[in-house]
Amino acid sequence: MNKYQVILPSSDTPALLRAIFALEISSHADQTALRIEPIKGAAKIQRVLQNAMSLQGLDDPASIFSRCAERLAAVPCFRVVRPAGKNCLDELVDAIIALDR
């Protein structure tokens, strides 16, 4: 196995989007642990739209908003805040697995 190339199983069937995680670094020096909070309602749509991509001339803001709102209705969204300067990858993986149960 090449450490720079990993062959993963593939399929023509699209995978369902089961959750969205918005990653942030805490600006509070006193935060020492990973924090995961649900994002709901308009805040969820706003957060996803900040990262939505569109093709100029093909997508208009109203259609992007409509598609996001429609698809996000059934998808949980979480804000993940980690302490600055701390690697929380193992903690994050454990938290995601726990949320998926």
N, C-alpha and C. Protein backbone atom coordinates (compact mmCIF):
# COMPACT_ATOMS: atom_id res chain seq x y z
N MET A 1 0.85 -1.19 0.00
CA MET A 1 0.00 0.00 0.00
C MET A 1 0.89 1.24 0.00
N ASN A 2 0.59 2.16 -0.86
CA ASN A 2 1.29 3.42 -0.95
C ASN A 2 0.66 4.40 0.04
N LYS A 3 1.45 5.01 0.89
CA LYS A 3 0.86 5.90 1.89
C LYS A 3 0.27 7.18 1.29
N TYR A 4 0.57 7.46 0.03
CA TYR A 4 0.03 8.66 -0.61
C TYR A 4 -1.17 8.35 -1.51
N GLN A 5 -1.45 7.07 -1.71
CA GLN A 5 -2.57 6.71 -2.56
C GLN A 5 -3.30 5.53 -1.94
N VAL A 6 -4.55 5.73 -1.62
CA VAL A 6 -5.37 4.68 -1.05
C VAL A 6 -6.54 4.46 -1.99
N ILE A 7 -6.72 3.24 -2.45
CA ILE A 7 -7.82 2.94 -3.35
C ILE A 7 -9.04 2.59 -2.49
N LEU A 8 -10.10 3.35 -2.67
CA LEU A 8 -11.33 3.14 -1.92
C LEU A 8 -12.38 2.53 -2.82
N PRO A 9 -13.31 1.79 -2.23
CA PRO A 9 -14.38 1.23 -3.06
C PRO A 9 -15.19 2.37 -3.70
N SER A 10 -15.65 2.12 -4.91
CA SER A 10 -16.44 3.15 -5.59
C SER A 10 -17.75 2.56 -6.07
N SER A 11 -18.67 3.46 -6.42
CA SER A 11 -19.98 3.03 -6.88
C SER A 11 -20.58 4.13 -7.74
N ASP A 12 -21.49 3.73 -8.61
CA ASP A 12 -22.23 4.71 -9.40
C ASP A 12 -23.43 5.26 -8.64
N THR A 13 -23.74 4.65 -7.51
CA THR A 13 -24.87 5.08 -6.69
C THR A 13 -24.41 6.17 -5.73
N PRO A 14 -25.06 7.33 -5.76
CA PRO A 14 -24.64 8.39 -4.84
C PRO A 14 -24.91 8.01 -3.39
N ALA A 15 -24.01 8.41 -2.52
CA ALA A 15 -24.19 8.17 -1.08
C ALA A 15 -25.10 9.23 -0.50
N LEU A 16 -25.88 8.84 0.49
CA LEU A 16 -26.75 9.80 1.16
C LEU A 16 -25.92 10.71 2.06
N LEU A 17 -26.28 11.97 2.10
CA LEU A 17 -25.63 12.91 3.01
C LEU A 17 -26.26 12.70 4.38
N ARG A 18 -25.47 12.23 5.35
CA ARG A 18 -26.02 11.88 6.65
C ARG A 18 -25.83 12.96 7.70
N ALA A 19 -24.86 13.84 7.51
CA ALA A 19 -24.63 14.93 8.46
C ALA A 19 -23.65 15.92 7.85
N ILE A 20 -23.71 17.15 8.37
CA ILE A 20 -22.77 18.20 7.97
C ILE A 20 -22.10 18.70 9.25
N PHE A 21 -20.78 18.86 9.18
CA PHE A 21 -20.03 19.37 10.32
C PHE A 21 -19.30 20.63 9.89
N ALA A 22 -19.60 21.74 10.55
CA ALA A 22 -18.94 23.01 10.29
C ALA A 22 -17.79 23.14 11.31
N LEU A 23 -16.57 23.14 10.82
CA LEU A 23 -15.39 23.14 11.69
C LEU A 23 -14.92 24.55 12.00
N GLU A 24 -14.60 24.77 13.27
CA GLU A 24 -14.12 26.08 13.72
C GLU A 24 -13.01 25.89 14.75
N ILE A 25 -12.19 26.92 14.89
CA ILE A 25 -11.20 26.98 15.97
C ILE A 25 -11.69 28.00 16.97
N SER A 26 -11.67 27.64 18.24
CA SER A 26 -12.18 28.53 19.29
C SER A 26 -11.30 29.77 19.43
N SER A 27 -11.94 30.88 19.67
CA SER A 27 -11.20 32.11 19.92
C SER A 27 -11.06 32.35 21.43
N HIS A 28 -11.60 31.43 22.23
CA HIS A 28 -11.54 31.55 23.69
C HIS A 28 -10.38 30.74 24.23
N ALA A 29 -9.46 31.41 24.90
CA ALA A 29 -8.26 30.75 25.43
C ALA A 29 -8.61 29.71 26.50
N ASP A 30 -9.75 29.86 27.16
CA ASP A 30 -10.11 28.94 28.25
C ASP A 30 -10.80 27.67 27.75
N GLN A 31 -11.07 27.56 26.45
CA GLN A 31 -11.68 26.32 25.93
C GLN A 31 -10.60 25.27 25.76
N THR A 32 -10.75 24.15 26.47
CA THR A 32 -9.74 23.10 26.42
C THR A 32 -10.25 21.80 25.81
N ALA A 33 -11.55 21.71 25.55
CA ALA A 33 -12.12 20.48 25.00
C ALA A 33 -12.88 20.76 23.71
N LEU A 34 -13.00 19.73 22.91
CA LEU A 34 -13.80 19.79 21.69
C LEU A 34 -15.26 20.01 22.08
N ARG A 35 -15.95 20.86 21.32
CA ARG A 35 -17.36 21.14 21.59
C ARG A 35 -18.15 20.93 20.31
N ILE A 36 -19.25 20.19 20.39
CA ILE A 36 -20.11 19.95 19.23
C ILE A 36 -21.52 20.38 19.59
N GLU A 37 -22.07 21.27 18.77
CA GLU A 37 -23.41 21.82 19.01
C GLU A 37 -24.25 21.67 17.76
N PRO A 38 -25.53 21.31 17.90
CA PRO A 38 -26.39 21.26 16.71
C PRO A 38 -26.65 22.67 16.16
N ILE A 39 -26.77 22.76 14.86
CA ILE A 39 -27.17 24.02 14.20
C ILE A 39 -28.53 23.73 13.58
N LYS A 40 -29.50 24.58 13.87
CA LYS A 40 -30.87 24.33 13.39
C LYS A 40 -31.46 25.56 12.72
N GLY A 41 -32.55 25.32 11.98
CA GLY A 41 -33.32 26.39 11.38
C GLY A 41 -32.55 27.23 10.39
N ALA A 42 -32.82 28.53 10.44
CA ALA A 42 -32.20 29.46 9.50
C ALA A 42 -30.69 29.50 9.66
N ALA A 43 -30.20 29.29 10.88
CA ALA A 43 -28.74 29.30 11.11
C ALA A 43 -28.07 28.17 10.34
N LYS A 44 -28.76 27.02 10.22
CA LYS A 44 -28.20 25.89 9.49
C LYS A 44 -28.07 26.23 8.00
N ILE A 45 -29.12 26.80 7.44
CA ILE A 45 -29.08 27.17 6.02
C ILE A 45 -28.02 28.23 5.78
N GLN A 46 -27.97 29.23 6.65
CA GLN A 46 -26.98 30.30 6.51
C GLN A 46 -25.56 29.75 6.56
N ARG A 47 -25.31 28.83 7.48
CA ARG A 47 -23.96 28.27 7.62
C ARG A 47 -23.55 27.48 6.38
N VAL A 48 -24.47 26.70 5.83
CA VAL A 48 -24.15 25.92 4.64
C VAL A 48 -23.99 26.83 3.42
N LEU A 49 -24.82 27.84 3.30
CA LEU A 49 -24.73 28.76 2.17
C LEU A 49 -23.39 29.50 2.13
N GLN A 50 -22.77 29.71 3.29
CA GLN A 50 -21.46 30.35 3.33
C GLN A 50 -20.41 29.55 2.56
N ASN A 51 -20.65 28.25 2.45
CA ASN A 51 -19.69 27.36 1.79
C ASN A 51 -20.22 26.77 0.49
N ALA A 52 -21.39 27.22 0.05
CA ALA A 52 -21.96 26.68 -1.19
C ALA A 52 -21.22 27.24 -2.39
N MET A 53 -21.07 26.39 -3.39
CA MET A 53 -20.42 26.82 -4.62
C MET A 53 -21.47 26.92 -5.71
N SER A 54 -21.29 27.88 -6.58
CA SER A 54 -22.21 28.02 -7.71
C SER A 54 -21.41 28.42 -8.94
N LEU A 55 -22.02 28.21 -10.07
CA LEU A 55 -21.39 28.59 -11.33
C LEU A 55 -22.02 29.89 -11.81
N GLN A 56 -21.20 30.90 -11.94
CA GLN A 56 -21.68 32.21 -12.35
C GLN A 56 -22.41 32.10 -13.68
N GLY A 57 -23.60 32.65 -13.74
CA GLY A 57 -24.40 32.62 -14.95
C GLY A 57 -25.31 31.42 -15.04
N LEU A 58 -25.03 30.37 -14.24
CA LEU A 58 -25.87 29.17 -14.26
C LEU A 58 -26.76 29.05 -13.03
N ASP A 59 -26.25 29.48 -11.89
CA ASP A 59 -27.00 29.40 -10.64
C ASP A 59 -27.37 30.79 -10.17
N ASP A 60 -28.62 30.97 -9.83
CA ASP A 60 -29.02 32.24 -9.24
C ASP A 60 -29.21 32.04 -7.74
N PRO A 61 -29.06 33.09 -6.95
CA PRO A 61 -29.15 32.95 -5.49
C PRO A 61 -30.44 32.29 -5.01
N ALA A 62 -31.56 32.58 -5.64
CA ALA A 62 -32.83 31.99 -5.20
C ALA A 62 -32.84 30.48 -5.38
N SER A 63 -32.30 29.99 -6.50
CA SER A 63 -32.29 28.54 -6.72
C SER A 63 -31.30 27.84 -5.79
N ILE A 64 -30.18 28.48 -5.51
CA ILE A 64 -29.21 27.90 -4.57
C ILE A 64 -29.85 27.80 -3.18
N PHE A 65 -30.50 28.87 -2.76
CA PHE A 65 -31.17 28.86 -1.46
C PHE A 65 -32.23 27.77 -1.41
N SER A 66 -33.05 27.67 -2.44
CA SER A 66 -34.13 26.67 -2.47
C SER A 66 -33.58 25.25 -2.40
N ARG A 67 -32.54 24.98 -3.19
CA ARG A 67 -31.96 23.63 -3.19
C ARG A 67 -31.34 23.30 -1.84
N CYS A 68 -30.63 24.25 -1.26
CA CYS A 68 -30.04 24.02 0.07
C CYS A 68 -31.11 23.77 1.12
N ALA A 69 -32.12 24.61 1.15
CA ALA A 69 -33.19 24.46 2.14
C ALA A 69 -33.88 23.11 1.99
N GLU A 70 -34.13 22.71 0.76
CA GLU A 70 -34.81 21.43 0.50
C GLU A 70 -33.96 20.25 0.97
N ARG A 71 -32.69 20.26 0.63
CA ARG A 71 -31.83 19.13 0.97
C ARG A 71 -31.45 19.10 2.45
N LEU A 72 -31.39 20.26 3.08
CA LEU A 72 -30.98 20.33 4.48
C LEU A 72 -32.11 19.97 5.45
N ALA A 73 -33.32 19.91 4.97
CA ALA A 73 -34.46 19.63 5.86
C ALA A 73 -34.26 18.32 6.62
N ALA A 74 -33.67 17.32 5.99
CA ALA A 74 -33.53 16.01 6.61
C ALA A 74 -32.11 15.69 7.04
N VAL A 75 -31.21 16.67 6.98
CA VAL A 75 -29.80 16.42 7.29
C VAL A 75 -29.40 17.20 8.54
N PRO A 76 -28.94 16.50 9.58
CA PRO A 76 -28.49 17.23 10.77
C PRO A 76 -27.19 17.99 10.49
N CYS A 77 -27.04 19.12 11.13
CA CYS A 77 -25.86 19.96 10.94
C CYS A 77 -25.30 20.30 12.32
N PHE A 78 -23.98 20.23 12.45
CA PHE A 78 -23.34 20.47 13.73
C PHE A 78 -22.19 21.47 13.59
N ARG A 79 -22.01 22.26 14.62
CA ARG A 79 -20.88 23.18 14.73
C ARG A 79 -19.85 22.49 15.62
N VAL A 80 -18.64 22.31 15.09
CA VAL A 80 -17.57 21.66 15.83
C VAL A 80 -16.52 22.72 16.13
N VAL A 81 -16.30 22.97 17.42
CA VAL A 81 -15.34 23.99 17.84
C VAL A 81 -14.23 23.29 18.62
N ARG A 82 -13.01 23.43 18.11
CA ARG A 82 -11.88 22.83 18.81
C ARG A 82 -11.01 23.92 19.42
N PRO A 83 -10.32 23.59 20.51
CA PRO A 83 -9.42 24.57 21.12
C PRO A 83 -8.28 24.92 20.17
N ALA A 84 -7.87 26.16 20.17
CA ALA A 84 -6.75 26.59 19.33
C ALA A 84 -5.49 25.87 19.76
N GLY A 85 -4.72 25.40 18.79
CA GLY A 85 -3.44 24.77 19.08
C GLY A 85 -3.53 23.33 19.57
N LYS A 86 -4.73 22.75 19.55
CA LYS A 86 -4.88 21.38 20.04
C LYS A 86 -5.41 20.49 18.92
N ASN A 87 -4.78 19.34 18.72
CA ASN A 87 -5.24 18.37 17.75
C ASN A 87 -6.32 17.51 18.41
N CYS A 88 -7.52 17.56 17.90
CA CYS A 88 -8.65 16.82 18.47
C CYS A 88 -9.20 15.78 17.51
N LEU A 89 -8.40 15.32 16.57
CA LEU A 89 -8.90 14.43 15.52
C LEU A 89 -9.50 13.15 16.10
N ASP A 90 -8.80 12.49 17.01
CA ASP A 90 -9.32 11.24 17.58
C ASP A 90 -10.63 11.50 18.33
N GLU A 91 -10.68 12.57 19.09
CA GLU A 91 -11.89 12.96 19.81
C GLU A 91 -13.05 13.23 18.85
N LEU A 92 -12.74 13.92 17.75
CA LEU A 92 -13.75 14.26 16.75
C LEU A 92 -14.30 13.00 16.09
N VAL A 93 -13.43 12.08 15.72
CA VAL A 93 -13.87 10.82 15.11
C VAL A 93 -14.80 10.07 16.06
N ASP A 94 -14.40 9.97 17.32
CA ASP A 94 -15.25 9.29 18.31
C ASP A 94 -16.62 9.98 18.45
N ALA A 95 -16.62 11.30 18.45
CA ALA A 95 -17.87 12.05 18.58
C ALA A 95 -18.78 11.84 17.37
N ILE A 96 -18.21 11.84 16.17
CA ILE A 96 -18.99 11.62 14.96
C ILE A 96 -19.60 10.22 14.95
N ILE A 97 -18.81 9.23 15.35
CA ILE A 97 -19.32 7.86 15.41
C ILE A 97 -20.45 7.77 16.43
N ALA A 98 -20.30 8.42 17.57
CA ALA A 98 -21.36 8.40 18.58
C ALA A 98 -22.63 9.07 18.09
N LEU A 99 -22.50 10.17 17.34
CA LEU A 99 -23.67 10.87 16.80
C LEU A 99 -24.37 10.04 15.73
N ASP A 100 -23.64 9.17 15.05
CA ASP A 100 -24.20 8.38 13.97
C ASP A 100 -24.96 7.16 14.47
N ARG A 101 -24.87 6.88 15.73
CA ARG A 101 -25.56 5.70 16.29
C ARG A 101 -27.01 5.96 16.55
